[in-house]
Amino acid sequence: MPDFSNMTAAELSVWYIENVGYDIGVEDPSMSLESYRELCAEMYELHNEAAE
């Protein structure tokens, strides 16, 4: 699992674009960094569950 807790917003955006297909950080600029990190962790887990 990527270490989302230490990633910057820019790093989270790169990860999100590569794995989800768009930049949620641009679409919701008011999102806190903590919320963005939590969202990425949730998306990572959902992606891994679907792959199993």
PDB file of N, CA and C in Angstrom:
ATOM      1  N   MET A   1       0.845  -1.183   0.000  1.00  0.00           N
ATOM      2  CA  MET A   1       0.000   0.000   0.000  1.00  0.00           C
ATOM      3  C   MET A   1       0.890   1.246   0.000  1.00  0.00           C
ATOM      4  N   PRO A   2       0.580   2.187  -0.860  1.00  0.00           N
ATOM      5  CA  PRO A   2       1.339   3.441  -0.834  1.00  0.00           C
ATOM      6  C   PRO A   2       1.185   4.132   0.523  1.00  0.00           C
ATOM      7  N   ASP A   3       2.171   4.902   0.890  1.00  0.00           N
ATOM      8  CA  ASP A   3       2.128   5.603   2.173  1.00  0.00           C
ATOM      9  C   ASP A   3       1.426   6.949   1.986  1.00  0.00           C
ATOM     10  N   PHE A   4       0.109   6.892   1.869  1.00  0.00           N
ATOM     11  CA  PHE A   4      -0.677   8.098   1.625  1.00  0.00           C
ATOM     12  C   PHE A   4      -0.503   9.127   2.737  1.00  0.00           C
ATOM     13  N   SER A   5      -0.235   8.684   3.950  1.00  0.00           N
ATOM     14  CA  SER A   5      -0.132   9.608   5.083  1.00  0.00           C
ATOM     15  C   SER A   5       1.040  10.576   4.967  1.00  0.00           C
ATOM     16  N   ASN A   6       1.995  10.280   4.106  1.00  0.00           N
ATOM     17  CA  ASN A   6       3.147  11.166   3.919  1.00  0.00           C
ATOM     18  C   ASN A   6       3.168  11.836   2.550  1.00  0.00           C
ATOM     19  N   MET A   7       2.135  11.602   1.747  1.00  0.00           N
ATOM     20  CA  MET A   7       2.111  12.166   0.398  1.00  0.00           C
ATOM     21  C   MET A   7       1.549  13.582   0.414  1.00  0.00           C
ATOM     22  N   THR A   8       2.100  14.413  -0.456  1.00  0.00           N
ATOM     23  CA  THR A   8       1.591  15.772  -0.628  1.00  0.00           C
ATOM     24  C   THR A   8       0.344  15.719  -1.516  1.00  0.00           C
ATOM     25  N   ALA A   9      -0.362  16.824  -1.594  1.00  0.00           N
ATOM     26  CA  ALA A   9      -1.543  16.889  -2.464  1.00  0.00           C
ATOM     27  C   ALA A   9      -1.158  16.612  -3.917  1.00  0.00           C
ATOM     28  N   ALA A  10      -0.012  17.135  -4.345  1.00  0.00           N
ATOM     29  CA  ALA A  10       0.438  16.901  -5.718  1.00  0.00           C
ATOM     30  C   ALA A  10       0.720  15.422  -5.965  1.00  0.00           C
ATOM     31  N   GLU A  11       1.340  14.759  -5.003  1.00  0.00           N
ATOM     32  CA  GLU A  11       1.619  13.324  -5.133  1.00  0.00           C
ATOM     33  C   GLU A  11       0.320  12.515  -5.129  1.00  0.00           C
ATOM     34  N   LEU A  12      -0.612  12.920  -4.302  1.00  0.00           N
ATOM     35  CA  LEU A  12      -1.912  12.238  -4.268  1.00  0.00           C
ATOM     36  C   LEU A  12      -2.620  12.396  -5.608  1.00  0.00           C
ATOM     37  N   SER A  13      -2.536  13.580  -6.189  1.00  0.00           N
ATOM     38  CA  SER A  13      -3.166  13.816  -7.494  1.00  0.00           C
ATOM     39  C   SER A  13      -2.569  12.918  -8.561  1.00  0.00           C
ATOM     40  N   VAL A  14      -1.250  12.774  -8.572  1.00  0.00           N
ATOM     41  CA  VAL A  14      -0.603  11.888  -9.542  1.00  0.00           C
ATOM     42  C   VAL A  14      -1.116  10.464  -9.350  1.00  0.00           C
ATOM     43  N   TRP A  15      -1.160   9.999  -8.117  1.00  0.00           N
ATOM     44  CA  TRP A  15      -1.636   8.645  -7.843  1.00  0.00           C
ATOM     45  C   TRP A  15      -3.091   8.492  -8.279  1.00  0.00           C
ATOM     46  N   TYR A  16      -3.913   9.469  -7.935  1.00  0.00           N
ATOM     47  CA  TYR A  16      -5.344   9.396  -8.242  1.00  0.00           C
ATOM     48  C   TYR A  16      -5.577   9.367  -9.752  1.00  0.00           C
ATOM     49  N   ILE A  17      -4.869  10.220 -10.486  1.00  0.00           N
ATOM     50  CA  ILE A  17      -5.012  10.244 -11.943  1.00  0.00           C
ATOM     51  C   ILE A  17      -4.611   8.903 -12.544  1.00  0.00           C
ATOM     52  N   GLU A  18      -3.499   8.335 -12.084  1.00  0.00           N
ATOM     53  CA  GLU A  18      -3.021   7.056 -12.619  1.00  0.00           C
ATOM     54  C   GLU A  18      -3.972   5.908 -12.308  1.00  0.00           C
ATOM     55  N   ASN A  19      -4.634   5.953 -11.150  1.00  0.00           N
ATOM     56  CA  ASN A  19      -5.439   4.819 -10.712  1.00  0.00           C
ATOM     57  C   ASN A  19      -6.937   4.992 -10.870  1.00  0.00           C
ATOM     58  N   VAL A  20      -7.403   6.230 -10.936  1.00  0.00           N
ATOM     59  CA  VAL A  20      -8.842   6.470 -11.051  1.00  0.00           C
ATOM     60  C   VAL A  20      -9.187   7.113 -12.393  1.00  0.00           C
ATOM     61  N   GLY A  21      -8.301   7.939 -12.897  1.00  0.00           N
ATOM     62  CA  GLY A  21      -8.512   8.482 -14.227  1.00  0.00           C
ATOM     63  C   GLY A  21      -8.763   9.975 -14.296  1.00  0.00           C
ATOM     64  N   TYR A  22      -8.909  10.624 -13.184  1.00  0.00           N
ATOM     65  CA  TYR A  22      -9.066  12.077 -13.179  1.00  0.00           C
ATOM     66  C   TYR A  22      -8.528  12.622 -11.866  1.00  0.00           C
ATOM     67  N   ASP A  23      -8.411  13.949 -11.788  1.00  0.00           N
ATOM     68  CA  ASP A  23      -7.815  14.584 -10.612  1.00  0.00           C
ATOM     69  C   ASP A  23      -8.904  15.149  -9.711  1.00  0.00           C
ATOM     70  N   ILE A  24      -9.260  14.412  -8.676  1.00  0.00           N
ATOM     71  CA  ILE A  24     -10.288  14.860  -7.739  1.00  0.00           C
ATOM     72  C   ILE A  24      -9.831  16.111  -6.997  1.00  0.00           C
ATOM     73  N   GLY A  25      -8.531  16.301  -6.834  1.00  0.00           N
ATOM     74  CA  GLY A  25      -8.007  17.487  -6.169  1.00  0.00           C
ATOM     75  C   GLY A  25      -8.341  18.765  -6.918  1.00  0.00           C
ATOM     76  N   VAL A  26      -8.368  18.691  -8.238  1.00  0.00           N
ATOM     77  CA  VAL A  26      -8.730  19.845  -9.057  1.00  0.00           C
ATOM     78  C   VAL A  26     -10.245  20.042  -9.023  1.00  0.00           C
ATOM     79  N   GLU A  27     -10.991  18.949  -9.056  1.00  0.00           N
ATOM     80  CA  GLU A  27     -12.445  19.038  -9.059  1.00  0.00           C
ATOM     81  C   GLU A  27     -13.011  19.485  -7.717  1.00  0.00           C
ATOM     82  N   ASP A  28     -12.300  19.210  -6.631  1.00  0.00           N
ATOM     83  CA  ASP A  28     -12.751  19.613  -5.295  1.00  0.00           C
ATOM     84  C   ASP A  28     -11.590  20.255  -4.540  1.00  0.00           C
ATOM     85  N   PRO A  29     -11.223  21.487  -4.927  1.00  0.00           N
ATOM     86  CA  PRO A  29     -10.057  22.132  -4.317  1.00  0.00           C
ATOM     87  C   PRO A  29     -10.223  22.443  -2.829  1.00  0.00           C
ATOM     88  N   SER A  30     -11.437  22.422  -2.315  1.00  0.00           N
ATOM     89  CA  SER A  30     -11.648  22.705  -0.895  1.00  0.00           C
ATOM     90  C   SER A  30     -11.388  21.487  -0.005  1.00  0.00           C
ATOM     91  N   MET A  31     -11.151  20.322  -0.622  1.00  0.00           N
ATOM     92  CA  MET A  31     -10.908  19.100   0.147  1.00  0.00           C
ATOM     93  C   MET A  31      -9.618  19.245   0.958  1.00  0.00           C
ATOM     94  N   SER A  32      -9.676  18.881   2.212  1.00  0.00           N
ATOM     95  CA  SER A  32      -8.484  18.951   3.052  1.00  0.00           C
ATOM     96  C   SER A  32      -7.489  17.870   2.639  1.00  0.00           C
ATOM     97  N   LEU A  33      -6.239  18.082   2.983  1.00  0.00           N
ATOM     98  CA  LEU A  33      -5.204  17.098   2.673  1.00  0.00           C
ATOM     99  C   LEU A  33      -5.521  15.771   3.358  1.00  0.00           C
ATOM    100  N   GLU A  34      -5.986  15.822   4.585  1.00  0.00           N
ATOM    101  CA  GLU A  34      -6.330  14.597   5.312  1.00  0.00           C
ATOM    102  C   GLU A  34      -7.457  13.846   4.610  1.00  0.00           C
ATOM    103  N   SER A  35      -8.473  14.560   4.159  1.00  0.00           N
ATOM    104  CA  SER A  35      -9.583  13.922   3.441  1.00  0.00           C
ATOM    105  C   SER A  35      -9.103  13.306   2.134  1.00  0.00           C
ATOM    106  N   TYR A  36      -8.214  14.009   1.462  1.00  0.00           N
ATOM    107  CA  TYR A  36      -7.659  13.513   0.200  1.00  0.00           C
ATOM    108  C   TYR A  36      -6.884  12.223   0.454  1.00  0.00           C
ATOM    109  N   ARG A  37      -6.101  12.198   1.505  1.00  0.00           N
ATOM    110  CA  ARG A  37      -5.342  10.991   1.855  1.00  0.00           C
ATOM    111  C   ARG A  37      -6.272   9.837   2.167  1.00  0.00           C
ATOM    112  N   GLU A  38      -7.339  10.095   2.918  1.00  0.00           N
ATOM    113  CA  GLU A  38      -8.308   9.049   3.262  1.00  0.00           C
ATOM    114  C   GLU A  38      -9.005   8.527   2.014  1.00  0.00           C
ATOM    115  N   LEU A  39      -9.370   9.430   1.117  1.00  0.00           N
ATOM    116  CA  LEU A  39     -10.035   9.030  -0.118  1.00  0.00           C
ATOM    117  C   LEU A  39      -9.132   8.132  -0.961  1.00  0.00           C
ATOM    118  N   CYS A  40      -7.868   8.505  -1.080  1.00  0.00           N
ATOM    119  CA  CYS A  40      -6.932   7.685  -1.853  1.00  0.00           C
ATOM    120  C   CYS A  40      -6.769   6.301  -1.225  1.00  0.00           C
ATOM    121  N   ALA A  41      -6.698   6.236   0.094  1.00  0.00           N
ATOM    122  CA  ALA A  41      -6.575   4.941   0.776  1.00  0.00           C
ATOM    123  C   ALA A  41      -7.812   4.089   0.522  1.00  0.00           C
ATOM    124  N   GLU A  42      -8.985   4.703   0.558  1.00  0.00           N
ATOM    125  CA  GLU A  42     -10.228   3.968   0.285  1.00  0.00           C
ATOM    126  C   GLU A  42     -10.251   3.458  -1.153  1.00  0.00           C
ATOM    127  N   MET A  43      -9.841   4.306  -2.090  1.00  0.00           N
ATOM    128  CA  MET A  43      -9.825   3.897  -3.495  1.00  0.00           C
ATOM    129  C   MET A  43      -8.824   2.760  -3.717  1.00  0.00           C
ATOM    130  N   TYR A  44      -7.685   2.832  -3.042  1.00  0.00           N
ATOM    131  CA  TYR A  44      -6.681   1.772  -3.141  1.00  0.00           C
ATOM    132  C   TYR A  44      -7.272   0.445  -2.664  1.00  0.00           C
ATOM    133  N   GLU A  45      -7.941   0.477  -1.524  1.00  0.00           N
ATOM    134  CA  GLU A  45      -8.534  -0.741  -0.980  1.00  0.00           C
ATOM    135  C   GLU A  45      -9.632  -1.281  -1.884  1.00  0.00           C
ATOM    136  N   LEU A  46     -10.472  -0.416  -2.423  1.00  0.00           N
ATOM    137  CA  LEU A  46     -11.524  -0.863  -3.332  1.00  0.00           C
ATOM    138  C   LEU A  46     -10.923  -1.495  -4.589  1.00  0.00           C
ATOM    139  N   HIS A  47      -9.881  -0.897  -5.107  1.00  0.00           N
ATOM    140  CA  HIS A  47      -9.234  -1.429  -6.302  1.00  0.00           C
ATOM    141  C   HIS A  47      -8.651  -2.812  -6.028  1.00  0.00           C
ATOM    142  N   ASN A  48      -8.034  -2.980  -4.871  1.00  0.00           N
ATOM    143  CA  ASN A  48      -7.440  -4.277  -4.536  1.00  0.00           C
ATOM    144  C   ASN A  48      -8.499  -5.336  -4.281  1.00  0.00           C
ATOM    145  N   GLU A  49      -9.612  -4.959  -3.688  1.00  0.00           N
ATOM    146  CA  GLU A  49     -10.698  -5.917  -3.466  1.00  0.00           C
ATOM    147  C   GLU A  49     -11.267  -6.387  -4.799  1.00  0.00           C
ATOM    148  N   ALA A  50     -11.408  -5.471  -5.753  1.00  0.00           N
ATOM    149  CA  ALA A  50     -11.954  -5.821  -7.065  1.00  0.00           C
ATOM    150  C   ALA A  50     -11.005  -6.731  -7.839  1.00  0.00           C
ATOM    151  N   ALA A  51      -9.708  -6.591  -7.588  1.00  0.00           N
ATOM    152  CA  ALA A  51      -8.710  -7.391  -8.293  1.00  0.00           C
ATOM    153  C   ALA A  51      -8.648  -8.822  -7.786  1.00  0.00           C
ATOM    154  N   GLU A  52      -9.158  -9.042  -6.580  1.00  0.00           N
ATOM    155  CA  GLU A  52      -9.070 -10.392  -5.989  1.00  0.00           C
ATOM    156  C   GLU A  52     -10.133 -11.315  -6.510  1.00  0.00           C
TER     157      GLU A  52
END
